[in-house]
């Protein structure tokens, strides 16, 4: 998984455990794709300070994931739902296929 995507997923899972400042900077960097200068200017902090906050927050997010493993489990569940959906396409009974695909869709939305 690409490093940037990994941290976006970790932010989704653990963002509420960060301070508002940490979460805001991480979202600007990873989700809005702003540069260090673009993040630092309105906050009146240097590029180096932004970089330092990002690095420390990345370590925090990785630590949460190492201990809790939610992001990895969510990804495995997404793959599993995809496999079920692909297998359901081969079911010849239209009603059964429709029910399974509907339930897979509902489950995927919960993720």
PDB file of N, CA and C in Angstrom:
ATOM      1  N   UNK A   1       0.851  -1.179   0.000  1.00  0.00           N
ATOM      2  CA  UNK A   1       0.000   0.000   0.000  1.00  0.00           C
ATOM      3  C   UNK A   1       0.893   1.237   0.000  1.00  0.00           C
ATOM      4  N   UNK A   2       0.548   2.220  -0.791  1.00  0.00           N
ATOM      5  CA  UNK A   2       1.331   3.445  -0.873  1.00  0.00           C
ATOM      6  C   UNK A   2       1.362   4.131   0.492  1.00  0.00           C
ATOM      7  N   UNK A   3       2.487   4.753   0.794  1.00  0.00           N
ATOM      8  CA  UNK A   3       2.653   5.387   2.098  1.00  0.00           C
ATOM      9  C   UNK A   3       1.572   6.429   2.356  1.00  0.00           C
ATOM     10  N   UNK A   4       1.265   7.238   1.360  1.00  0.00           N
ATOM     11  CA  UNK A   4       0.271   8.290   1.561  1.00  0.00           C
ATOM     12  C   UNK A   4      -1.110   7.704   1.833  1.00  0.00           C
ATOM     13  N   UNK A   5      -1.477   6.678   1.090  1.00  0.00           N
ATOM     14  CA  UNK A   5      -2.769   6.032   1.305  1.00  0.00           C
ATOM     15  C   UNK A   5      -2.826   5.412   2.695  1.00  0.00           C
ATOM     16  N   UNK A   6      -1.708   4.855   3.130  1.00  0.00           N
ATOM     17  CA  UNK A   6      -1.652   4.247   4.456  1.00  0.00           C
ATOM     18  C   UNK A   6      -1.986   5.273   5.530  1.00  0.00           C
ATOM     19  N   UNK A   7      -1.404   6.455   5.426  1.00  0.00           N
ATOM     20  CA  UNK A   7      -1.653   7.459   6.453  1.00  0.00           C
ATOM     21  C   UNK A   7      -3.057   8.056   6.350  1.00  0.00           C
ATOM     22  N   UNK A   8      -3.617   8.100   5.162  1.00  0.00           N
ATOM     23  CA  UNK A   8      -5.019   8.533   5.021  1.00  0.00           C
ATOM     24  C   UNK A   8      -5.927   7.535   5.744  1.00  0.00           C
ATOM     25  N   UNK A   9      -5.650   6.240   5.561  1.00  0.00           N
ATOM     26  CA  UNK A   9      -6.437   5.217   6.243  1.00  0.00           C
ATOM     27  C   UNK A   9      -6.254   5.301   7.761  1.00  0.00           C
ATOM     28  N   UNK A  10      -5.034   5.515   8.196  1.00  0.00           N
ATOM     29  CA  UNK A  10      -4.778   5.633   9.627  1.00  0.00           C
ATOM     30  C   UNK A  10      -5.476   6.861  10.208  1.00  0.00           C
ATOM     31  N   UNK A  11      -5.506   7.945   9.446  1.00  0.00           N
ATOM     32  CA  UNK A  11      -6.244   9.142   9.892  1.00  0.00           C
ATOM     33  C   UNK A  11      -7.727   8.847  10.030  1.00  0.00           C
ATOM     34  N   UNK A  12      -8.276   8.085   9.086  1.00  0.00           N
ATOM     35  CA  UNK A  12      -9.688   7.708   9.181  1.00  0.00           C
ATOM     36  C   UNK A  12      -9.957   6.904  10.438  1.00  0.00           C
ATOM     37  N   UNK A  13      -9.055   5.999  10.753  1.00  0.00           N
ATOM     38  CA  UNK A  13      -9.251   5.127  11.913  1.00  0.00           C
ATOM     39  C   UNK A  13      -8.981   5.828  13.242  1.00  0.00           C
ATOM     40  N   UNK A  14      -7.916   6.596  13.306  1.00  0.00           N
ATOM     41  CA  UNK A  14      -7.443   7.106  14.589  1.00  0.00           C
ATOM     42  C   UNK A  14      -7.399   8.630  14.692  1.00  0.00           C
ATOM     43  N   UNK A  15      -7.896   9.326  13.688  1.00  0.00           N
ATOM     44  CA  UNK A  15      -7.817  10.788  13.683  1.00  0.00           C
ATOM     45  C   UNK A  15      -8.440  11.445  14.897  1.00  0.00           C
ATOM     46  N   UNK A  16      -9.510  10.856  15.411  1.00  0.00           N
ATOM     47  CA  UNK A  16     -10.176  11.438  16.580  1.00  0.00           C
ATOM     48  C   UNK A  16      -9.337  11.329  17.856  1.00  0.00           C
ATOM     49  N   UNK A  17      -8.297  10.504  17.834  1.00  0.00           N
ATOM     50  CA  UNK A  17      -7.420  10.359  18.993  1.00  0.00           C
ATOM     51  C   UNK A  17      -6.293  11.386  18.998  1.00  0.00           C
ATOM     52  N   UNK A  18      -6.144  12.113  17.905  1.00  0.00           N
ATOM     53  CA  UNK A  18      -5.122  13.149  17.799  1.00  0.00           C
ATOM     54  C   UNK A  18      -5.656  14.467  18.340  1.00  0.00           C
ATOM     55  N   UNK A  19      -4.743  15.394  18.595  1.00  0.00           N
ATOM     56  CA  UNK A  19      -5.188  16.740  18.948  1.00  0.00           C
ATOM     57  C   UNK A  19      -5.780  17.379  17.691  1.00  0.00           C
ATOM     58  N   UNK A  20      -6.580  18.399  17.868  1.00  0.00           N
ATOM     59  CA  UNK A  20      -7.157  19.102  16.711  1.00  0.00           C
ATOM     60  C   UNK A  20      -6.053  19.637  15.804  1.00  0.00           C
ATOM     61  N   UNK A  21      -4.985  20.146  16.401  1.00  0.00           N
ATOM     62  CA  UNK A  21      -3.860  20.706  15.648  1.00  0.00           C
ATOM     63  C   UNK A  21      -3.175  19.620  14.810  1.00  0.00           C
ATOM     64  N   UNK A  22      -2.884  18.482  15.429  1.00  0.00           N
ATOM     65  CA  UNK A  22      -2.247  17.382  14.711  1.00  0.00           C
ATOM     66  C   UNK A  22      -3.134  16.888  13.562  1.00  0.00           C
ATOM     67  N   UNK A  23      -4.392  16.662  13.875  1.00  0.00           N
ATOM     68  CA  UNK A  23      -5.322  16.147  12.862  1.00  0.00           C
ATOM     69  C   UNK A  23      -5.450  17.124  11.701  1.00  0.00           C
ATOM     70  N   UNK A  24      -5.569  18.402  12.011  1.00  0.00           N
ATOM     71  CA  UNK A  24      -5.714  19.420  10.981  1.00  0.00           C
ATOM     72  C   UNK A  24      -4.503  19.443  10.044  1.00  0.00           C
ATOM     73  N   UNK A  25      -3.317  19.423  10.605  1.00  0.00           N
ATOM     74  CA  UNK A  25      -2.103  19.450   9.790  1.00  0.00           C
ATOM     75  C   UNK A  25      -1.994  18.187   8.947  1.00  0.00           C
ATOM     76  N   UNK A  26      -2.286  17.036   9.524  1.00  0.00           N
ATOM     77  CA  UNK A  26      -2.215  15.776   8.775  1.00  0.00           C
ATOM     78  C   UNK A  26      -3.234  15.756   7.638  1.00  0.00           C
ATOM     79  N   UNK A  27      -4.426  16.262   7.888  1.00  0.00           N
ATOM     80  CA  UNK A  27      -5.447  16.303   6.838  1.00  0.00           C
ATOM     81  C   UNK A  27      -5.040  17.256   5.715  1.00  0.00           C
ATOM     82  N   UNK A  28      -4.464  18.400   6.087  1.00  0.00           N
ATOM     83  CA  UNK A  28      -4.000  19.329   5.051  1.00  0.00           C
ATOM     84  C   UNK A  28      -2.897  18.700   4.212  1.00  0.00           C
ATOM     85  N   UNK A  29      -2.002  17.971   4.851  1.00  0.00           N
ATOM     86  CA  UNK A  29      -0.866  17.382   4.143  1.00  0.00           C
ATOM     87  C   UNK A  29      -1.277  16.168   3.313  1.00  0.00           C
ATOM     88  N   UNK A  30      -2.003  15.238   3.913  1.00  0.00           N
ATOM     89  CA  UNK A  30      -2.316  13.985   3.226  1.00  0.00           C
ATOM     90  C   UNK A  30      -3.610  14.020   2.417  1.00  0.00           C
ATOM     91  N   UNK A  31      -4.619  14.712   2.904  1.00  0.00           N
ATOM     92  CA  UNK A  31      -5.912  14.692   2.209  1.00  0.00           C
ATOM     93  C   UNK A  31      -6.057  15.849   1.215  1.00  0.00           C
ATOM     94  N   UNK A  32      -5.558  17.027   1.595  1.00  0.00           N
ATOM     95  CA  UNK A  32      -5.678  18.193   0.720  1.00  0.00           C
ATOM     96  C   UNK A  32      -4.437  18.407  -0.134  1.00  0.00           C
ATOM     97  N   UNK A  33      -3.389  17.613   0.131  1.00  0.00           N
ATOM     98  CA  UNK A  33      -2.142  17.642  -0.640  1.00  0.00           C
ATOM     99  C   UNK A  33      -1.484  19.018  -0.651  1.00  0.00           C
ATOM    100  N   UNK A  34      -1.528  19.710   0.487  1.00  0.00           N
ATOM    101  CA  UNK A  34      -0.867  21.017   0.596  1.00  0.00           C
ATOM    102  C   UNK A  34       0.609  20.826   0.907  1.00  0.00           C
ATOM    103  N   UNK A  35       1.416  21.773   0.473  1.00  0.00           N
ATOM    104  CA  UNK A  35       2.848  21.728   0.769  1.00  0.00           C
ATOM    105  C   UNK A  35       3.083  22.150   2.213  1.00  0.00           C
ATOM    106  N   UNK A  36       4.302  21.921   2.684  1.00  0.00           N
ATOM    107  CA  UNK A  36       4.647  22.329   4.045  1.00  0.00           C
ATOM    108  C   UNK A  36       4.494  23.840   4.212  1.00  0.00           C
ATOM    109  N   UNK A  37       4.911  24.602   3.202  1.00  0.00           N
ATOM    110  CA  UNK A  37       4.793  26.057   3.261  1.00  0.00           C
ATOM    111  C   UNK A  37       3.327  26.493   3.278  1.00  0.00           C
ATOM    112  N   UNK A  38       2.504  25.838   2.465  1.00  0.00           N
ATOM    113  CA  UNK A  38       1.080  26.190   2.414  1.00  0.00           C
ATOM    114  C   UNK A  38       0.379  25.888   3.738  1.00  0.00           C
ATOM    115  N   UNK A  39       0.837  24.881   4.429  1.00  0.00           N
ATOM    116  CA  UNK A  39       0.262  24.551   5.736  1.00  0.00           C
ATOM    117  C   UNK A  39       0.755  25.531   6.789  1.00  0.00           C
ATOM    118  N   UNK A  40       2.044  25.816   6.764  1.00  0.00           N
ATOM    119  CA  UNK A  40       2.651  26.653   7.801  1.00  0.00           C
ATOM    120  C   UNK A  40       2.249  28.107   7.753  1.00  0.00           C
ATOM    121  N   UNK A  41       2.054  28.645   6.572  1.00  0.00           N
ATOM    122  CA  UNK A  41       1.781  30.085   6.442  1.00  0.00           C
ATOM    123  C   UNK A  41       0.557  30.541   7.240  1.00  0.00           C
ATOM    124  N   UNK A  42      -0.635  29.969   7.060  1.00  0.00           N
ATOM    125  CA  UNK A  42      -1.784  30.462   7.828  1.00  0.00           C
ATOM    126  C   UNK A  42      -1.685  30.158   9.326  1.00  0.00           C
ATOM    127  N   UNK A  43      -0.889  29.143   9.676  1.00  0.00           N
ATOM    128  CA  UNK A  43      -0.720  28.799  11.086  1.00  0.00           C
ATOM    129  C   UNK A  43       0.410  29.581  11.738  1.00  0.00           C
ATOM    130  N   UNK A  44       1.140  30.344  10.903  1.00  0.00           N
ATOM    131  CA  UNK A  44       2.274  31.140  11.352  1.00  0.00           C
ATOM    132  C   UNK A  44       3.351  30.273  12.009  1.00  0.00           C
ATOM    133  N   UNK A  45       3.653  29.133  11.343  1.00  0.00           N
ATOM    134  CA  UNK A  45       4.738  28.272  11.791  1.00  0.00           C
ATOM    135  C   UNK A  45       5.615  27.944  10.581  1.00  0.00           C
ATOM    136  N   UNK A  46       6.854  27.575  10.850  1.00  0.00           N
ATOM    137  CA  UNK A  46       7.803  27.307   9.769  1.00  0.00           C
ATOM    138  C   UNK A  46       7.519  25.967   9.089  1.00  0.00           C
ATOM    139  N   UNK A  47       8.102  25.821   7.902  1.00  0.00           N
ATOM    140  CA  UNK A  47       7.999  24.546   7.182  1.00  0.00           C
ATOM    141  C   UNK A  47       8.578  23.419   8.031  1.00  0.00           C
ATOM    142  N   UNK A  48       9.691  23.714   8.709  1.00  0.00           N
ATOM    143  CA  UNK A  48      10.339  22.700   9.546  1.00  0.00           C
ATOM    144  C   UNK A  48       9.436  22.290  10.705  1.00  0.00           C
ATOM    145  N   UNK A  49       8.719  23.239  11.285  1.00  0.00           N
ATOM    146  CA  UNK A  49       7.789  22.910  12.372  1.00  0.00           C
ATOM    147  C   UNK A  49       6.658  22.028  11.858  1.00  0.00           C
ATOM    148  N   UNK A  50       6.160  22.335  10.671  1.00  0.00           N
ATOM    149  CA  UNK A  50       5.102  21.520  10.070  1.00  0.00           C
ATOM    150  C   UNK A  50       5.635  20.110   9.841  1.00  0.00           C
ATOM    151  N   UNK A  51       6.824  20.007   9.265  1.00  0.00           N
ATOM    152  CA  UNK A  51       7.438  18.698   8.999  1.00  0.00           C
ATOM    153  C   UNK A  51       7.606  17.898  10.280  1.00  0.00           C
ATOM    154  N   UNK A  52       8.033  18.559  11.335  1.00  0.00           N
ATOM    155  CA  UNK A  52       8.235  17.904  12.620  1.00  0.00           C
ATOM    156  C   UNK A  52       6.907  17.372  13.183  1.00  0.00           C
ATOM    157  N   UNK A  53       5.866  18.179  13.086  1.00  0.00           N
ATOM    158  CA  UNK A  53       4.541  17.753  13.560  1.00  0.00           C
ATOM    159  C   UNK A  53       4.056  16.552  12.755  1.00  0.00           C
ATOM    160  N   UNK A  54       4.256  16.599  11.444  1.00  0.00           N
ATOM    161  CA  UNK A  54       3.830  15.482  10.587  1.00  0.00           C
ATOM    162  C   UNK A  54       4.575  14.208  10.970  1.00  0.00           C
ATOM    163  N   UNK A  55       5.886  14.280  11.137  1.00  0.00           N
ATOM    164  CA  UNK A  55       6.678  13.099  11.479  1.00  0.00           C
ATOM    165  C   UNK A  55       6.280  12.527  12.836  1.00  0.00           C
ATOM    166  N   UNK A  56       6.107  13.396  13.829  1.00  0.00           N
ATOM    167  CA  UNK A  56       5.696  12.919  15.156  1.00  0.00           C
ATOM    168  C   UNK A  56       4.303  12.286  15.106  1.00  0.00           C
ATOM    169  N   UNK A  57       3.411  12.902  14.350  1.00  0.00           N
ATOM    170  CA  UNK A  57       2.045  12.392  14.259  1.00  0.00           C
ATOM    171  C   UNK A  57       2.004  11.081  13.481  1.00  0.00           C
ATOM    172  N   UNK A  58       2.838  10.947  12.462  1.00  0.00           N
ATOM    173  CA  UNK A  58       2.935   9.666  11.754  1.00  0.00           C
ATOM    174  C   UNK A  58       3.339   8.553  12.717  1.00  0.00           C
ATOM    175  N   UNK A  59       4.301   8.849  13.581  1.00  0.00           N
ATOM    176  CA  UNK A  59       4.747   7.860  14.563  1.00  0.00           C
ATOM    177  C   UNK A  59       3.610   7.501  15.525  1.00  0.00           C
ATOM    178  N   UNK A  60       2.841   8.489  15.927  1.00  0.00           N
ATOM    179  CA  UNK A  60       1.703   8.238  16.815  1.00  0.00           C
ATOM    180  C   UNK A  60       0.688   7.331  16.131  1.00  0.00           C
ATOM    181  N   UNK A  61       0.365   7.640  14.870  1.00  0.00           N
ATOM    182  CA  UNK A  61      -0.613   6.839  14.135  1.00  0.00           C
ATOM    183  C   UNK A  61      -0.119   5.409  13.931  1.00  0.00           C
ATOM    184  N   UNK A  62       1.154   5.253  13.596  1.00  0.00           N
ATOM    185  CA  UNK A  62       1.713   3.913  13.420  1.00  0.00           C
ATOM    186  C   UNK A  62       1.698   3.134  14.728  1.00  0.00           C
ATOM    187  N   UNK A  63       1.930   3.817  15.825  1.00  0.00           N
ATOM    188  CA  UNK A  63       1.885   3.185  17.142  1.00  0.00           C
ATOM    189  C   UNK A  63       0.461   2.709  17.468  1.00  0.00           C
ATOM    190  N   UNK A  64      -0.527   3.549  17.194  1.00  0.00           N
ATOM    191  CA  UNK A  64      -1.924   3.130  17.397  1.00  0.00           C
ATOM    192  C   UNK A  64      -2.231   1.889  16.568  1.00  0.00           C
ATOM    193  N   UNK A  65      -1.811   1.904  15.306  1.00  0.00           N
ATOM    194  CA  UNK A  65      -2.108   0.776  14.421  1.00  0.00           C
ATOM    195  C   UNK A  65      -1.391  -0.490  14.892  1.00  0.00           C
ATOM    196  N   UNK A  66      -0.160  -0.347  15.344  1.00  0.00           N
ATOM    197  CA  UNK A  66       0.587  -1.498  15.836  1.00  0.00           C
ATOM    198  C   UNK A  66      -0.124  -2.139  17.027  1.00  0.00           C
ATOM    199  N   UNK A  67      -0.672  -1.309  17.898  1.00  0.00           N
ATOM    200  CA  UNK A  67      -1.333  -1.819  19.099  1.00  0.00           C
ATOM    201  C   UNK A  67      -2.761  -2.287  18.853  1.00  0.00           C
ATOM    202  N   UNK A  68      -3.484  -1.593  17.988  1.00  0.00           N
ATOM    203  CA  UNK A  68      -4.908  -1.881  17.810  1.00  0.00           C
ATOM    204  C   UNK A  68      -5.239  -2.619  16.517  1.00  0.00           C
ATOM    205  N   UNK A  69      -4.542  -2.328  15.445  1.00  0.00           N
ATOM    206  CA  UNK A  69      -4.711  -3.040  14.186  1.00  0.00           C
ATOM    207  C   UNK A  69      -6.022  -2.824  13.456  1.00  0.00           C
ATOM    208  N   UNK A  70      -6.736  -1.732  13.725  1.00  0.00           N
ATOM    209  CA  UNK A  70      -8.034  -1.506  13.078  1.00  0.00           C
ATOM    210  C   UNK A  70      -7.920  -1.306  11.569  1.00  0.00           C
ATOM    211  N   UNK A  71      -6.955  -0.531  11.128  1.00  0.00           N
ATOM    212  CA  UNK A  71      -6.833  -0.239   9.691  1.00  0.00           C
ATOM    213  C   UNK A  71      -6.549  -1.517   8.907  1.00  0.00           C
ATOM    214  N   UNK A  72      -5.691  -2.364   9.436  1.00  0.00           N
ATOM    215  CA  UNK A  72      -5.382  -3.624   8.747  1.00  0.00           C
ATOM    216  C   UNK A  72      -6.618  -4.514   8.670  1.00  0.00           C
ATOM    217  N   UNK A  73      -7.374  -4.578   9.768  1.00  0.00           N
ATOM    218  CA  UNK A  73      -8.594  -5.391   9.758  1.00  0.00           C
ATOM    219  C   UNK A  73      -9.630  -4.839   8.793  1.00  0.00           C
ATOM    220  N   UNK A  74      -9.769  -3.521   8.730  1.00  0.00           N
ATOM    221  CA  UNK A  74     -10.711  -2.920   7.796  1.00  0.00           C
ATOM    222  C   UNK A  74     -10.339  -3.237   6.353  1.00  0.00           C
ATOM    223  N   UNK A  75      -9.049  -3.171   6.038  1.00  0.00           N
ATOM    224  CA  UNK A  75      -8.610  -3.482   4.682  1.00  0.00           C
ATOM    225  C   UNK A  75      -8.889  -4.944   4.349  1.00  0.00           C
ATOM    226  N   UNK A  76      -8.639  -5.842   5.285  1.00  0.00           N
ATOM    227  CA  UNK A  76      -8.921  -7.259   5.055  1.00  0.00           C
ATOM    228  C   UNK A  76     -10.423  -7.487   4.855  1.00  0.00           C
ATOM    229  N   UNK A  77     -11.233  -6.759   5.587  1.00  0.00           N
ATOM    230  CA  UNK A  77     -12.687  -6.884   5.429  1.00  0.00           C
ATOM    231  C   UNK A  77     -13.121  -6.375   4.053  1.00  0.00           C
ATOM    232  N   UNK A  78     -12.521  -5.280   3.587  1.00  0.00           N
ATOM    233  CA  UNK A  78     -12.845  -4.762   2.249  1.00  0.00           C
ATOM    234  C   UNK A  78     -12.512  -5.798   1.169  1.00  0.00           C
ATOM    235  N   UNK A  79     -11.360  -6.435   1.302  1.00  0.00           N
ATOM    236  CA  UNK A  79     -10.959  -7.468   0.350  1.00  0.00           C
ATOM    237  C   UNK A  79     -11.940  -8.637   0.408  1.00  0.00           C
ATOM    238  N   UNK A  80     -12.313  -9.032   1.609  1.00  0.00           N
ATOM    239  CA  UNK A  80     -13.251 -10.142   1.779  1.00  0.00           C
ATOM    240  C   UNK A  80     -14.597  -9.822   1.129  1.00  0.00           C
ATOM    241  N   UNK A  81     -15.123  -8.627   1.352  1.00  0.00           N
ATOM    242  CA  UNK A  81     -16.387  -8.229   0.722  1.00  0.00           C
ATOM    243  C   UNK A  81     -16.256  -8.236  -0.803  1.00  0.00           C
ATOM    244  N   UNK A  82     -15.119  -7.803  -1.307  1.00  0.00           N
ATOM    245  CA  UNK A  82     -14.893  -7.826  -2.753  1.00  0.00           C
ATOM    246  C   UNK A  82     -14.893  -9.244  -3.300  1.00  0.00           C
ATOM    247  N   UNK A  83     -14.273 -10.160  -2.558  1.00  0.00           N
ATOM    248  CA  UNK A  83     -14.250 -11.565  -2.979  1.00  0.00           C
ATOM    249  C   UNK A  83     -15.649 -12.169  -2.967  1.00  0.00           C
ATOM    250  N   UNK A  84     -16.427 -11.852  -1.953  1.00  0.00           N
ATOM    251  CA  UNK A  84     -17.800 -12.361  -1.879  1.00  0.00           C
ATOM    252  C   UNK A  84     -18.622 -11.811  -3.038  1.00  0.00           C
ATOM    253  N   UNK A  85     -18.456 -10.525  -3.307  1.00  0.00           N
ATOM    254  CA  UNK A  85     -19.189  -9.906  -4.409  1.00  0.00           C
ATOM    255  C   UNK A  85     -18.838 -10.559  -5.747  1.00  0.00           C
ATOM    256  N   UNK A  86     -17.543 -10.802  -5.967  1.00  0.00           N
ATOM    257  CA  UNK A  86     -17.110 -11.443  -7.213  1.00  0.00           C
ATOM    258  C   UNK A  86     -17.665 -12.860  -7.316  1.00  0.00           C
ATOM    259  N   UNK A  87     -17.654 -13.591  -6.211  1.00  0.00           N
ATOM    260  CA  UNK A  87     -18.183 -14.967  -6.227  1.00  0.00           C
ATOM    261  C   UNK A  87     -19.691 -14.965  -6.450  1.00  0.00           C
ATOM    262  N   UNK A  88     -20.385 -13.984  -5.900  1.00  0.00           N
ATOM    263  CA  UNK A  88     -21.845 -13.913  -6.035  1.00  0.00           C
ATOM    264  C   UNK A  88     -22.263 -13.707  -7.487  1.00  0.00           C
ATOM    265  N   UNK A  89     -21.408 -13.103  -8.274  1.00  0.00           N
ATOM    266  CA  UNK A  89     -21.735 -12.877  -9.685  1.00  0.00           C
ATOM    267  C   UNK A  89     -21.926 -14.195 -10.452  1.00  0.00           C
ATOM    268  N   UNK A  90     -21.382 -15.277  -9.912  1.00  0.00           N
ATOM    269  CA  UNK A  90     -21.483 -16.585 -10.573  1.00  0.00           C
ATOM    270  C   UNK A  90     -22.707 -17.388 -10.112  1.00  0.00           C
ATOM    271  N   UNK A  91     -23.456 -16.853  -9.176  1.00  0.00           N
ATOM    272  CA  UNK A  91     -24.654 -17.555  -8.696  1.00  0.00           C
ATOM    273  C   UNK A  91     -25.759 -17.390  -9.739  1.00  0.00           C
ATOM    274  N   UNK A  92     -26.328 -18.504 -10.145  1.00  0.00           N
ATOM    275  CA  UNK A  92     -27.326 -18.460 -11.220  1.00  0.00           C
ATOM    276  C   UNK A  92     -28.712 -18.075 -10.715  1.00  0.00           C
ATOM    277  N   UNK A  93     -29.020 -18.361  -9.459  1.00  0.00           N
ATOM    278  CA  UNK A  93     -30.324 -17.983  -8.908  1.00  0.00           C
ATOM    279  C   UNK A  93     -30.336 -16.472  -8.671  1.00  0.00           C
ATOM    280  N   UNK A  94     -31.146 -15.765  -9.452  1.00  0.00           N
ATOM    281  CA  UNK A  94     -31.183 -14.298  -9.423  1.00  0.00           C
ATOM    282  C   UNK A  94     -31.544 -13.750  -8.046  1.00  0.00           C
ATOM    283  N   UNK A  95     -32.528 -14.362  -7.383  1.00  0.00           N
ATOM    284  CA  UNK A  95     -32.943 -13.875  -6.058  1.00  0.00           C
ATOM    285  C   UNK A  95     -31.815 -14.011  -5.034  1.00  0.00           C
ATOM    286  N   UNK A  96     -31.167 -15.157  -5.029  1.00  0.00           N
ATOM    287  CA  UNK A  96     -30.063 -15.386  -4.092  1.00  0.00           C
ATOM    288  C   UNK A  96     -28.918 -14.426  -4.364  1.00  0.00           C
ATOM    289  N   UNK A  97     -28.558 -14.270  -5.650  1.00  0.00           N
ATOM    290  CA  UNK A  97     -27.479 -13.349  -6.012  1.00  0.00           C
ATOM    291  C   UNK A  97     -27.819 -11.928  -5.577  1.00  0.00           C
ATOM    292  N   UNK A  98     -29.045 -11.513  -5.808  1.00  0.00           N
ATOM    293  CA  UNK A  98     -29.479 -10.167  -5.444  1.00  0.00           C
ATOM    294  C   UNK A  98     -29.394  -9.941  -3.937  1.00  0.00           C
ATOM    295  N   UNK A  99     -29.822 -10.923  -3.165  1.00  0.00           N
ATOM    296  CA  UNK A  99     -29.772 -10.810  -1.697  1.00  0.00           C
ATOM    297  C   UNK A  99     -28.322 -10.703  -1.223  1.00  0.00           C
ATOM    298  N   UNK A 100     -27.466 -11.563  -1.755  1.00  0.00           N
ATOM    299  CA  UNK A 100     -26.054 -11.551  -1.337  1.00  0.00           C
ATOM    300  C   UNK A 100     -25.397 -10.231  -1.709  1.00  0.00           C
ATOM    301  N   UNK A 101     -25.613  -9.763  -2.927  1.00  0.00           N
ATOM    302  CA  UNK A 101     -25.006  -8.496  -3.350  1.00  0.00           C
ATOM    303  C   UNK A 101     -25.526  -7.323  -2.531  1.00  0.00           C
ATOM    304  N   UNK A 102     -26.786  -7.362  -2.176  1.00  0.00           N
ATOM    305  CA  UNK A 102     -27.367  -6.305  -1.341  1.00  0.00           C
ATOM    306  C   UNK A 102     -26.714  -6.290   0.044  1.00  0.00           C
ATOM    307  N   UNK A 103     -26.548  -7.471   0.620  1.00  0.00           N
ATOM    308  CA  UNK A 103     -25.933  -7.556   1.953  1.00  0.00           C
ATOM    309  C   UNK A 103     -24.455  -7.169   1.915  1.00  0.00           C
ATOM    310  N   UNK A 104     -23.755  -7.536   0.864  1.00  0.00           N
ATOM    311  CA  UNK A 104     -22.347  -7.134   0.702  1.00  0.00           C
ATOM    312  C   UNK A 104     -22.269  -5.614   0.614  1.00  0.00           C
ATOM    313  N   UNK A 105     -23.172  -5.016  -0.137  1.00  0.00           N
ATOM    314  CA  UNK A 105     -23.197  -3.565  -0.269  1.00  0.00           C
ATOM    315  C   UNK A 105     -23.426  -2.888   1.081  1.00  0.00           C
ATOM    316  N   UNK A 106     -24.376  -3.419   1.853  1.00  0.00           N
ATOM    317  CA  UNK A 106     -24.653  -2.861   3.188  1.00  0.00           C
ATOM    318  C   UNK A 106     -23.431  -3.002   4.095  1.00  0.00           C
ATOM    319  N   UNK A 107     -22.799  -4.168   4.050  1.00  0.00           N
ATOM    320  CA  UNK A 107     -21.613  -4.383   4.876  1.00  0.00           C
ATOM    321  C   UNK A 107     -20.471  -3.463   4.499  1.00  0.00           C
ATOM    322  N   UNK A 108     -20.260  -3.278   3.211  1.00  0.00           N
ATOM    323  CA  UNK A 108     -19.182  -2.397   2.742  1.00  0.00           C
ATOM    324  C   UNK A 108     -19.419  -0.954   3.169  1.00  0.00           C
ATOM    325  N   UNK A 109     -20.678  -0.522   3.186  1.00  0.00           N
ATOM    326  CA  UNK A 109     -20.986   0.835   3.624  1.00  0.00           C
ATOM    327  C   UNK A 109     -20.675   1.041   5.088  1.00  0.00           C
ATOM    328  N   UNK A 110     -20.790  -0.004   5.883  1.00  0.00           N
ATOM    329  CA  UNK A 110     -20.490   0.095   7.319  1.00  0.00           C
ATOM    330  C   UNK A 110     -19.006   0.277   7.596  1.00  0.00           C
ATOM    331  N   UNK A 111     -18.192  -0.112   6.621  1.00  0.00           N
ATOM    332  CA  UNK A 111     -16.749   0.043   6.798  1.00  0.00           C
ATOM    333  C   UNK A 111     -16.399   1.496   6.633  1.00  0.00           C
TER     334      UNK A 111
END
